[in-house]
Every structure is written in C-alpha cells, then in structure tokens.
Amino acid sequence: MILIAGTVRFPAEDMPAARPVMARMVTATRAEDGCLQYAFAEDVLEPGLIHISELWRDAAALEAHGAAAHMAAWRAEGAGLGIHGRDLRFYEVDEPFRR
C-alpha cells in the first residue's frame, strides 16, 4: 500500500470558494478503484492550511488517480484559487495495525 501524507495551502480569504472544490475532489477520489482512504482537513490554527491523507492499494491505483479527469479539474481549479505550498510525502506501508 502507498500512504501519502502532507499539506497544501490556499490563501485564507479563498477558503470559502475552495471548500466545495475540495469536497468534489474528495468525493470523486474516494470512488476510485484502489482508493482506501482520502481526506482533506483544515488546520484549526493556520487558516488556509489543508492536511492531506491518502491510502492507496498499490502504485497502479495511484498512477490511475493521477491521470483521472477530476485530478485535471482539481489542478485547474486549485490554481485559480491560489493553491500553493504543496508538500506531500509518499510511503510504502504494510497493512494497518489494528488492536
């Protein structure tokens, strides 16, 4: 599995317009084959800072995600809203540990 954890930033004043764009992205991505988890979360102390968490079945699923139409829309809409500061880390992981 591939775990992606990181952040992106929007200008704080653009967050009201960014929220529905992010919601569309999350909804479309969660429906993709191989997407095990996908979430955006607004930081409660830093306006405009979005934490991203993704879990993918394998590299092929992640590659297909990168080529999806909603990814192209996300890139275009995000750029229009001033998205910046992208910092994503990719990790290869085993099955999640459960107690």
PDB file of N, CA and C in Angstrom:
ATOM      1  N   MET A   1       0.841  -1.180   0.000  1.00  0.00           N
ATOM      2  CA  MET A   1       0.000   0.000   0.000  1.00  0.00           C
ATOM      3  C   MET A   1       0.883   1.238   0.000  1.00  0.00           C
ATOM      4  N   ILE A   2       0.303   2.321  -0.482  1.00  0.00           N
ATOM      5  CA  ILE A   2       1.015   3.590  -0.515  1.00  0.00           C
ATOM      6  C   ILE A   2       0.240   4.594   0.327  1.00  0.00           C
ATOM      7  N   LEU A   3       0.941   5.162   1.286  1.00  0.00           N
ATOM      8  CA  LEU A   3       0.395   6.197   2.156  1.00  0.00           C
ATOM      9  C   LEU A   3       0.973   7.532   1.719  1.00  0.00           C
ATOM     10  N   ILE A   4       0.110   8.511   1.562  1.00  0.00           N
ATOM     11  CA  ILE A   4       0.539   9.862   1.249  1.00  0.00           C
ATOM     12  C   ILE A   4       0.045  10.757   2.375  1.00  0.00           C
ATOM     13  N   ALA A   5       0.957  11.551   2.921  1.00  0.00           N
ATOM     14  CA  ALA A   5       0.614  12.490   3.988  1.00  0.00           C
ATOM     15  C   ALA A   5       1.284  13.812   3.662  1.00  0.00           C
ATOM     16  N   GLY A   6       0.566  14.886   3.845  1.00  0.00           N
ATOM     17  CA  GLY A   6       1.173  16.177   3.565  1.00  0.00           C
ATOM     18  C   GLY A   6       0.203  17.319   3.682  1.00  0.00           C
ATOM     19  N   THR A   7       0.583  18.427   3.055  1.00  0.00           N
ATOM     20  CA  THR A   7      -0.208  19.649   3.149  1.00  0.00           C
ATOM     21  C   THR A   7      -0.202  20.415   1.829  1.00  0.00           C
ATOM     22  N   VAL A   8      -1.201  21.230   1.664  1.00  0.00           N
ATOM     23  CA  VAL A   8      -1.257  22.267   0.632  1.00  0.00           C
ATOM     24  C   VAL A   8      -1.806  23.506   1.320  1.00  0.00           C
ATOM     25  N   ARG A   9      -1.640  24.626   0.656  1.00  0.00           N
ATOM     26  CA  ARG A   9      -2.127  25.884   1.225  1.00  0.00           C
ATOM     27  C   ARG A   9      -2.959  26.641   0.203  1.00  0.00           C
ATOM     28  N   PHE A  10      -3.978  27.304   0.736  1.00  0.00           N
ATOM     29  CA  PHE A  10      -4.781  28.255  -0.029  1.00  0.00           C
ATOM     30  C   PHE A  10      -4.695  29.592   0.695  1.00  0.00           C
ATOM     31  N   PRO A  11      -4.830  30.701  -0.008  1.00  0.00           N
ATOM     32  CA  PRO A  11      -4.976  31.963   0.709  1.00  0.00           C
ATOM     33  C   PRO A  11      -6.204  31.860   1.623  1.00  0.00           C
ATOM     34  N   ALA A  12      -6.071  32.277   2.855  1.00  0.00           N
ATOM     35  CA  ALA A  12      -7.156  32.129   3.833  1.00  0.00           C
ATOM     36  C   ALA A  12      -8.465  32.737   3.330  1.00  0.00           C
ATOM     37  N   GLU A  13      -8.361  33.847   2.622  1.00  0.00           N
ATOM     38  CA  GLU A  13      -9.577  34.514   2.142  1.00  0.00           C
ATOM     39  C   GLU A  13     -10.280  33.723   1.030  1.00  0.00           C
ATOM     40  N   ASP A  14      -9.588  32.752   0.436  1.00  0.00           N
ATOM     41  CA  ASP A  14     -10.178  31.934  -0.628  1.00  0.00           C
ATOM     42  C   ASP A  14     -10.769  30.615  -0.122  1.00  0.00           C
ATOM     43  N   MET A  15     -10.697  30.370   1.172  1.00  0.00           N
ATOM     44  CA  MET A  15     -11.203  29.106   1.705  1.00  0.00           C
ATOM     45  C   MET A  15     -12.694  28.882   1.456  1.00  0.00           C
ATOM     46  N   PRO A  16     -13.553  29.881   1.569  1.00  0.00           N
ATOM     47  CA  PRO A  16     -14.966  29.618   1.272  1.00  0.00           C
ATOM     48  C   PRO A  16     -15.176  29.086  -0.155  1.00  0.00           C
ATOM     49  N   ALA A  17     -14.428  29.580  -1.119  1.00  0.00           N
ATOM     50  CA  ALA A  17     -14.539  29.094  -2.500  1.00  0.00           C
ATOM     51  C   ALA A  17     -13.826  27.756  -2.676  1.00  0.00           C
ATOM     52  N   ALA A  18     -12.787  27.493  -1.883  1.00  0.00           N
ATOM     53  CA  ALA A  18     -12.015  26.255  -2.018  1.00  0.00           C
ATOM     54  C   ALA A  18     -12.736  25.042  -1.439  1.00  0.00           C
ATOM     55  N   ARG A  19     -13.547  25.233  -0.424  1.00  0.00           N
ATOM     56  CA  ARG A  19     -14.198  24.086   0.237  1.00  0.00           C
ATOM     57  C   ARG A  19     -15.039  23.234  -0.719  1.00  0.00           C
ATOM     58  N   PRO A  20     -15.910  23.807  -1.561  1.00  0.00           N
ATOM     59  CA  PRO A  20     -16.679  22.943  -2.468  1.00  0.00           C
ATOM     60  C   PRO A  20     -15.794  22.268  -3.519  1.00  0.00           C
ATOM     61  N   VAL A  21     -14.717  22.909  -3.928  1.00  0.00           N
ATOM     62  CA  VAL A  21     -13.774  22.305  -4.877  1.00  0.00           C
ATOM     63  C   VAL A  21     -13.115  21.099  -4.214  1.00  0.00           C
ATOM     64  N   MET A  22     -12.692  21.262  -2.958  1.00  0.00           N
ATOM     65  CA  MET A  22     -12.083  20.145  -2.232  1.00  0.00           C
ATOM     66  C   MET A  22     -13.087  19.021  -2.007  1.00  0.00           C
ATOM     67  N   ALA A  23     -14.332  19.371  -1.698  1.00  0.00           N
ATOM     68  CA  ALA A  23     -15.355  18.345  -1.473  1.00  0.00           C
ATOM     69  C   ALA A  23     -15.589  17.518  -2.738  1.00  0.00           C
ATOM     70  N   ARG A  24     -15.632  18.165  -3.900  1.00  0.00           N
ATOM     71  CA  ARG A  24     -15.787  17.422  -5.164  1.00  0.00           C
ATOM     72  C   ARG A  24     -14.601  16.486  -5.384  1.00  0.00           C
ATOM     73  N   MET A  25     -13.406  16.976  -5.096  1.00  0.00           N
ATOM     74  CA  MET A  25     -12.202  16.165  -5.285  1.00  0.00           C
ATOM     75  C   MET A  25     -12.223  14.941  -4.376  1.00  0.00           C
ATOM     76  N   VAL A  26     -12.548  15.145  -3.117  1.00  0.00           N
ATOM     77  CA  VAL A  26     -12.588  14.025  -2.171  1.00  0.00           C
ATOM     78  C   VAL A  26     -13.640  13.005  -2.592  1.00  0.00           C
ATOM     79  N   THR A  27     -14.820  13.455  -2.938  1.00  0.00           N
ATOM     80  CA  THR A  27     -15.902  12.545  -3.333  1.00  0.00           C
ATOM     81  C   THR A  27     -15.512  11.726  -4.557  1.00  0.00           C
ATOM     82  N   ALA A  28     -14.975  12.377  -5.582  1.00  0.00           N
ATOM     83  CA  ALA A  28     -14.587  11.664  -6.802  1.00  0.00           C
ATOM     84  C   ALA A  28     -13.443  10.688  -6.531  1.00  0.00           C
ATOM     85  N   THR A  29     -12.488  11.095  -5.732  1.00  0.00           N
ATOM     86  CA  THR A  29     -11.334  10.233  -5.458  1.00  0.00           C
ATOM     87  C   THR A  29     -11.726   9.021  -4.638  1.00  0.00           C
ATOM     88  N   ARG A  30     -12.574   9.203  -3.646  1.00  0.00           N
ATOM     89  CA  ARG A  30     -12.997   8.061  -2.820  1.00  0.00           C
ATOM     90  C   ARG A  30     -13.722   6.995  -3.634  1.00  0.00           C
ATOM     91  N   ALA A  31     -14.278   7.363  -4.779  1.00  0.00           N
ATOM     92  CA  ALA A  31     -14.979   6.405  -5.643  1.00  0.00           C
ATOM     93  C   ALA A  31     -14.029   5.641  -6.558  1.00  0.00           C
ATOM     94  N   GLU A  32     -12.761   6.034  -6.590  1.00  0.00           N
ATOM     95  CA  GLU A  32     -11.797   5.375  -7.476  1.00  0.00           C
ATOM     96  C   GLU A  32     -11.432   3.975  -6.979  1.00  0.00           C
ATOM     97  N   ASP A  33     -11.224   3.074  -7.941  1.00  0.00           N
ATOM     98  CA  ASP A  33     -10.725   1.746  -7.621  1.00  0.00           C
ATOM     99  C   ASP A  33      -9.335   1.882  -7.007  1.00  0.00           C
ATOM    100  N   GLY A  34      -9.116   1.247  -5.882  1.00  0.00           N
ATOM    101  CA  GLY A  34      -7.811   1.263  -5.241  1.00  0.00           C
ATOM    102  C   GLY A  34      -7.625   2.340  -4.202  1.00  0.00           C
ATOM    103  N   CYS A  35      -8.592   3.255  -4.068  1.00  0.00           N
ATOM    104  CA  CYS A  35      -8.519   4.286  -3.031  1.00  0.00           C
ATOM    105  C   CYS A  35      -9.071   3.694  -1.739  1.00  0.00           C
ATOM    106  N   LEU A  36      -8.221   3.572  -0.742  1.00  0.00           N
ATOM    107  CA  LEU A  36      -8.633   3.010   0.547  1.00  0.00           C
ATOM    108  C   LEU A  36      -8.985   4.100   1.551  1.00  0.00           C
ATOM    109  N   GLN A  37      -8.380   5.275   1.390  1.00  0.00           N
ATOM    110  CA  GLN A  37      -8.662   6.409   2.270  1.00  0.00           C
ATOM    111  C   GLN A  37      -8.251   7.683   1.539  1.00  0.00           C
ATOM    112  N   TYR A  38      -9.028   8.734   1.686  1.00  0.00           N
ATOM    113  CA  TYR A  38      -8.687  10.011   1.076  1.00  0.00           C
ATOM    114  C   TYR A  38      -9.377  11.097   1.879  1.00  0.00           C
ATOM    115  N   ALA A  39      -8.611  12.006   2.448  1.00  0.00           N
ATOM    116  CA  ALA A  39      -9.208  13.044   3.284  1.00  0.00           C
ATOM    117  C   ALA A  39      -8.407  14.338   3.224  1.00  0.00           C
ATOM    118  N   PHE A  40      -9.135  15.439   3.278  1.00  0.00           N
ATOM    119  CA  PHE A  40      -8.570  16.771   3.451  1.00  0.00           C
ATOM    120  C   PHE A  40      -9.086  17.278   4.800  1.00  0.00           C
ATOM    121  N   ALA A  41      -8.245  17.972   5.544  1.00  0.00           N
ATOM    122  CA  ALA A  41      -8.666  18.549   6.819  1.00  0.00           C
ATOM    123  C   ALA A  41      -8.066  19.944   6.971  1.00  0.00           C
ATOM    124  N   GLU A  42      -8.909  20.902   7.323  1.00  0.00           N
ATOM    125  CA  GLU A  42      -8.423  22.260   7.557  1.00  0.00           C
ATOM    126  C   GLU A  42      -7.732  22.326   8.918  1.00  0.00           C
ATOM    127  N   ASP A  43      -6.588  22.964   8.949  1.00  0.00           N
ATOM    128  CA  ASP A  43      -5.873  23.170  10.196  1.00  0.00           C
ATOM    129  C   ASP A  43      -6.648  24.176  11.049  1.00  0.00           C
ATOM    130  N   VAL A  44      -6.820  23.883  12.321  1.00  0.00           N
ATOM    131  CA  VAL A  44      -7.616  24.768  13.181  1.00  0.00           C
ATOM    132  C   VAL A  44      -6.836  25.997  13.642  1.00  0.00           C
ATOM    133  N   LEU A  45      -5.511  25.997  13.486  1.00  0.00           N
ATOM    134  CA  LEU A  45      -4.713  27.139  13.928  1.00  0.00           C
ATOM    135  C   LEU A  45      -4.131  27.971  12.798  1.00  0.00           C
ATOM    136  N   GLU A  46      -4.021  27.384  11.609  1.00  0.00           N
ATOM    137  CA  GLU A  46      -3.446  28.099  10.463  1.00  0.00           C
ATOM    138  C   GLU A  46      -4.465  28.178   9.330  1.00  0.00           C
ATOM    139  N   PRO A  47      -5.159  29.286   9.206  1.00  0.00           N
ATOM    140  CA  PRO A  47      -6.146  29.429   8.131  1.00  0.00           C
ATOM    141  C   PRO A  47      -5.499  29.215   6.756  1.00  0.00           C
ATOM    142  N   GLY A  48      -6.152  28.397   5.947  1.00  0.00           N
ATOM    143  CA  GLY A  48      -5.667  28.117   4.600  1.00  0.00           C
ATOM    144  C   GLY A  48      -4.763  26.902   4.495  1.00  0.00           C
ATOM    145  N   LEU A  49      -4.351  26.332   5.623  1.00  0.00           N
ATOM    146  CA  LEU A  49      -3.503  25.132   5.601  1.00  0.00           C
ATOM    147  C   LEU A  49      -4.405  23.896   5.593  1.00  0.00           C
ATOM    148  N   ILE A  50      -4.213  23.041   4.576  1.00  0.00           N
ATOM    149  CA  ILE A  50      -5.010  21.826   4.414  1.00  0.00           C
ATOM    150  C   ILE A  50      -4.099  20.618   4.579  1.00  0.00           C
ATOM    151  N   HIS A  51      -4.464  19.729   5.487  1.00  0.00           N
ATOM    152  CA  HIS A  51      -3.735  18.477   5.682  1.00  0.00           C
ATOM    153  C   HIS A  51      -4.370  17.417   4.789  1.00  0.00           C
ATOM    154  N   ILE A  52      -3.522  16.654   4.120  1.00  0.00           N
ATOM    155  CA  ILE A  52      -3.986  15.620   3.191  1.00  0.00           C
ATOM    156  C   ILE A  52      -3.524  14.263   3.686  1.00  0.00           C
ATOM    157  N   SER A  53      -4.428  13.293   3.633  1.00  0.00           N
ATOM    158  CA  SER A  53      -4.114  11.912   3.994  1.00  0.00           C
ATOM    159  C   SER A  53      -4.722  10.996   2.938  1.00  0.00           C
ATOM    160  N   GLU A  54      -3.877  10.149   2.344  1.00  0.00           N
ATOM    161  CA  GLU A  54      -4.339   9.221   1.305  1.00  0.00           C
ATOM    162  C   GLU A  54      -3.769   7.841   1.583  1.00  0.00           C
ATOM    163  N   LEU A  55      -4.524   6.809   1.245  1.00  0.00           N
ATOM    164  CA  LEU A  55      -4.037   5.437   1.306  1.00  0.00           C
ATOM    165  C   LEU A  55      -4.519   4.729   0.044  1.00  0.00           C
ATOM    166  N   TRP A  56      -3.554   4.178  -0.716  1.00  0.00           N
ATOM    167  CA  TRP A  56      -3.831   3.535  -1.997  1.00  0.00           C
ATOM    168  C   TRP A  56      -3.419   2.076  -1.952  1.00  0.00           C
ATOM    169  N   ARG A  57      -4.194   1.250  -2.627  1.00  0.00           N
ATOM    170  CA  ARG A  57      -3.927  -0.189  -2.681  1.00  0.00           C
ATOM    171  C   ARG A  57      -2.535  -0.472  -3.236  1.00  0.00           C
ATOM    172  N   ASP A  58      -2.179   0.232  -4.315  1.00  0.00           N
ATOM    173  CA  ASP A  58      -0.887  -0.020  -4.961  1.00  0.00           C
ATOM    174  C   ASP A  58      -0.519   1.147  -5.873  1.00  0.00           C
ATOM    175  N   ALA A  59       0.672   1.053  -6.458  1.00  0.00           N
ATOM    176  CA  ALA A  59       1.176   2.122  -7.324  1.00  0.00           C
ATOM    177  C   ALA A  59       0.307   2.300  -8.566  1.00  0.00           C
ATOM    178  N   ALA A  60      -0.249   1.219  -9.087  1.00  0.00           N
ATOM    179  CA  ALA A  60      -1.096   1.315 -10.280  1.00  0.00           C
ATOM    180  C   ALA A  60      -2.345   2.148  -9.983  1.00  0.00           C
ATOM    181  N   ALA A  61      -2.945   1.951  -8.821  1.00  0.00           N
ATOM    182  CA  ALA A  61      -4.130   2.728  -8.447  1.00  0.00           C
ATOM    183  C   ALA A  61      -3.773   4.203  -8.290  1.00  0.00           C
ATOM    184  N   LEU A  62      -2.633   4.485  -7.691  1.00  0.00           N
ATOM    185  CA  LEU A  62      -2.195   5.870  -7.528  1.00  0.00           C
ATOM    186  C   LEU A  62      -1.891   6.507  -8.880  1.00  0.00           C
ATOM    187  N   GLU A  63      -1.298   5.755  -9.774  1.00  0.00           N
ATOM    188  CA  GLU A  63      -1.000   6.268 -11.116  1.00  0.00           C
ATOM    189  C   GLU A  63      -2.291   6.588 -11.868  1.00  0.00           C
ATOM    190  N   ALA A  64      -3.292   5.720 -11.760  1.00  0.00           N
ATOM    191  CA  ALA A  64      -4.583   5.972 -12.404  1.00  0.00           C
ATOM    192  C   ALA A  64      -5.233   7.225 -11.813  1.00  0.00           C
ATOM    193  N   HIS A  65      -5.096   7.413 -10.514  1.00  0.00           N
ATOM    194  CA  HIS A  65      -5.623   8.612  -9.856  1.00  0.00           C
ATOM    195  C   HIS A  65      -5.001   9.867 -10.468  1.00  0.00           C
ATOM    196  N   GLY A  66      -3.716   9.840 -10.673  1.00  0.00           N
ATOM    197  CA  GLY A  66      -3.027  10.990 -11.248  1.00  0.00           C
ATOM    198  C   GLY A  66      -3.500  11.346 -12.640  1.00  0.00           C
ATOM    199  N   ALA A  67      -4.027  10.364 -13.375  1.00  0.00           N
ATOM    200  CA  ALA A  67      -4.493  10.578 -14.741  1.00  0.00           C
ATOM    201  C   ALA A  67      -6.004  10.831 -14.825  1.00  0.00           C
ATOM    202  N   ALA A  68      -6.694  10.800 -13.683  1.00  0.00           N
ATOM    203  CA  ALA A  68      -8.150  10.943 -13.674  1.00  0.00           C
ATOM    204  C   ALA A  68      -8.581  12.359 -14.062  1.00  0.00           C
ATOM    205  N   ALA A  69      -9.748  12.452 -14.680  1.00  0.00           N
ATOM    206  CA  ALA A  69     -10.277  13.746 -15.115  1.00  0.00           C
ATOM    207  C   ALA A  69     -10.477  14.696 -13.940  1.00  0.00           C
ATOM    208  N   HIS A  70     -10.912  14.166 -12.799  1.00  0.00           N
ATOM    209  CA  HIS A  70     -11.120  15.054 -11.654  1.00  0.00           C
ATOM    210  C   HIS A  70      -9.798  15.591 -11.099  1.00  0.00           C
ATOM    211  N   MET A  71      -8.681  14.905 -11.352  1.00  0.00           N
ATOM    212  CA  MET A  71      -7.374  15.449 -10.963  1.00  0.00           C
ATOM    213  C   MET A  71      -7.028  16.658 -11.827  1.00  0.00           C
ATOM    214  N   ALA A  72      -7.323  16.580 -13.115  1.00  0.00           N
ATOM    215  CA  ALA A  72      -7.070  17.722 -14.003  1.00  0.00           C
ATOM    216  C   ALA A  72      -7.930  18.913 -13.580  1.00  0.00           C
ATOM    217  N   ALA A  73      -9.183  18.644 -13.242  1.00  0.00           N
ATOM    218  CA  ALA A  73     -10.069  19.716 -12.778  1.00  0.00           C
ATOM    219  C   ALA A  73      -9.559  20.311 -11.467  1.00  0.00           C
ATOM    220  N   TRP A  74      -9.108  19.444 -10.552  1.00  0.00           N
ATOM    221  CA  TRP A  74      -8.553  19.890  -9.263  1.00  0.00           C
ATOM    222  C   TRP A  74      -7.348  20.808  -9.475  1.00  0.00           C
ATOM    223  N   ARG A  75      -6.460  20.397 -10.369  1.00  0.00           N
ATOM    224  CA  ARG A  75      -5.267  21.213 -10.643  1.00  0.00           C
ATOM    225  C   ARG A  75      -5.667  22.592 -11.181  1.00  0.00           C
ATOM    226  N   ALA A  76      -6.595  22.604 -12.122  1.00  0.00           N
ATOM    227  CA  ALA A  76      -7.014  23.865 -12.731  1.00  0.00           C
ATOM    228  C   ALA A  76      -7.757  24.748 -11.731  1.00  0.00           C
ATOM    229  N   GLU A  77      -8.716  24.172 -11.026  1.00  0.00           N
ATOM    230  CA  GLU A  77      -9.485  24.963 -10.061  1.00  0.00           C
ATOM    231  C   GLU A  77      -8.611  25.415  -8.897  1.00  0.00           C
ATOM    232  N   GLY A  78      -7.735  24.528  -8.434  1.00  0.00           N
ATOM    233  CA  GLY A  78      -6.833  24.892  -7.340  1.00  0.00           C
ATOM    234  C   GLY A  78      -5.918  26.033  -7.722  1.00  0.00           C
ATOM    235  N   ALA A  79      -5.384  25.982  -8.932  1.00  0.00           N
ATOM    236  CA  ALA A  79      -4.512  27.065  -9.398  1.00  0.00           C
ATOM    237  C   ALA A  79      -5.273  28.386  -9.427  1.00  0.00           C
ATOM    238  N   GLY A  80      -6.517  28.333  -9.860  1.00  0.00           N
ATOM    239  CA  GLY A  80      -7.337  29.543  -9.897  1.00  0.00           C
ATOM    240  C   GLY A  80      -7.637  30.102  -8.516  1.00  0.00           C
ATOM    241  N   LEU A  81      -7.584  29.236  -7.512  1.00  0.00           N
ATOM    242  CA  LEU A  81      -7.840  29.663  -6.134  1.00  0.00           C
ATOM    243  C   LEU A  81      -6.546  29.957  -5.371  1.00  0.00           C
ATOM    244  N   GLY A  82      -5.422  29.909  -6.059  1.00  0.00           N
ATOM    245  CA  GLY A  82      -4.153  30.263  -5.423  1.00  0.00           C
ATOM    246  C   GLY A  82      -3.507  29.177  -4.594  1.00  0.00           C
ATOM    247  N   ILE A  83      -3.821  27.900  -4.895  1.00  0.00           N
ATOM    248  CA  ILE A  83      -3.191  26.812  -4.154  1.00  0.00           C
ATOM    249  C   ILE A  83      -1.666  26.926  -4.286  1.00  0.00           C
ATOM    250  N   HIS A  84      -0.970  26.657  -3.193  1.00  0.00           N
ATOM    251  CA  HIS A  84       0.487  26.735  -3.198  1.00  0.00           C
ATOM    252  C   HIS A  84       1.038  25.914  -2.023  1.00  0.00           C
ATOM    253  N   GLY A  85       2.346  25.865  -1.921  1.00  0.00           N
ATOM    254  CA  GLY A  85       2.977  25.211  -0.779  1.00  0.00           C
ATOM    255  C   GLY A  85       2.720  23.721  -0.694  1.00  0.00           C
ATOM    256  N   ARG A  86       2.587  23.074  -1.823  1.00  0.00           N
ATOM    257  CA  ARG A  86       2.320  21.626  -1.839  1.00  0.00           C
ATOM    258  C   ARG A  86       3.508  20.880  -1.238  1.00  0.00           C
ATOM    259  N   ASP A  87       3.246  20.066  -0.215  1.00  0.00           N
ATOM    260  CA  ASP A  87       4.288  19.267   0.434  1.00  0.00           C
ATOM    261  C   ASP A  87       3.691  17.900   0.756  1.00  0.00           C
ATOM    262  N   LEU A  88       3.913  16.949  -0.132  1.00  0.00           N
ATOM    263  CA  LEU A  88       3.359  15.606   0.039  1.00  0.00           C
ATOM    264  C   LEU A  88       4.496  14.601   0.185  1.00  0.00           C
ATOM    265  N   ARG A  89       4.333  13.665   1.108  1.00  0.00           N
ATOM    266  CA  ARG A  89       5.315  12.601   1.331  1.00  0.00           C
ATOM    267  C   ARG A  89       4.658  11.265   1.016  1.00  0.00           C
ATOM    268  N   PHE A  90       5.393  10.417   0.302  1.00  0.00           N
ATOM    269  CA  PHE A  90       4.897   9.113  -0.125  1.00  0.00           C
ATOM    270  C   PHE A  90       5.622   8.037   0.666  1.00  0.00           C
ATOM    271  N   TYR A  91       4.859   7.068   1.202  1.00  0.00           N
ATOM    272  CA  TYR A  91       5.430   5.983   1.982  1.00  0.00           C
ATOM    273  C   TYR A  91       4.850   4.659   1.509  1.00  0.00           C
ATOM    274  N   GLU A  92       5.668   3.646   1.438  1.00  0.00           N
ATOM    275  CA  GLU A  92       5.187   2.297   1.200  1.00  0.00           C
ATOM    276  C   GLU A  92       4.932   1.674   2.565  1.00  0.00           C
ATOM    277  N   VAL A  93       3.732   1.159   2.771  1.00  0.00           N
ATOM    278  CA  VAL A  93       3.352   0.645   4.089  1.00  0.00           C
ATOM    279  C   VAL A  93       2.723  -0.739   3.972  1.00  0.00           C
ATOM    280  N   ASP A  94       2.717  -1.442   5.094  1.00  0.00           N
ATOM    281  CA  ASP A  94       2.032  -2.734   5.195  1.00  0.00           C
ATOM    282  C   ASP A  94       0.591  -2.485   5.611  1.00  0.00           C
ATOM    283  N   GLU A  95      -0.121  -3.565   5.876  1.00  0.00           N
ATOM    284  CA  GLU A  95      -1.491  -3.452   6.365  1.00  0.00           C
ATOM    285  C   GLU A  95      -1.497  -2.628   7.652  1.00  0.00           C
ATOM    286  N   PRO A  96      -2.537  -1.810   7.859  1.00  0.00           N
ATOM    287  CA  PRO A  96      -2.618  -1.022   9.085  1.00  0.00           C
ATOM    288  C   PRO A  96      -2.664  -1.917  10.320  1.00  0.00           C
ATOM    289  N   PHE A  97      -2.024  -1.475  11.369  1.00  0.00           N
ATOM    290  CA  PHE A  97      -2.043  -2.189  12.643  1.00  0.00           C
ATOM    291  C   PHE A  97      -3.353  -1.887  13.357  1.00  0.00           C
ATOM    292  N   ARG A  98      -4.042  -2.907  13.770  1.00  0.00           N
ATOM    293  CA  ARG A  98      -5.299  -2.724  14.493  1.00  0.00           C
ATOM    294  C   ARG A  98      -5.214  -3.474  15.828  1.00  0.00           C
ATOM    295  N   ARG A  99      -5.756  -2.869  16.865  1.00  0.00           N
ATOM    296  CA  ARG A  99      -5.792  -3.523  18.181  1.00  0.00           C
ATOM    297  C   ARG A  99      -7.130  -4.137  18.417  1.00  0.00           C
TER     298      ARG A  99
END
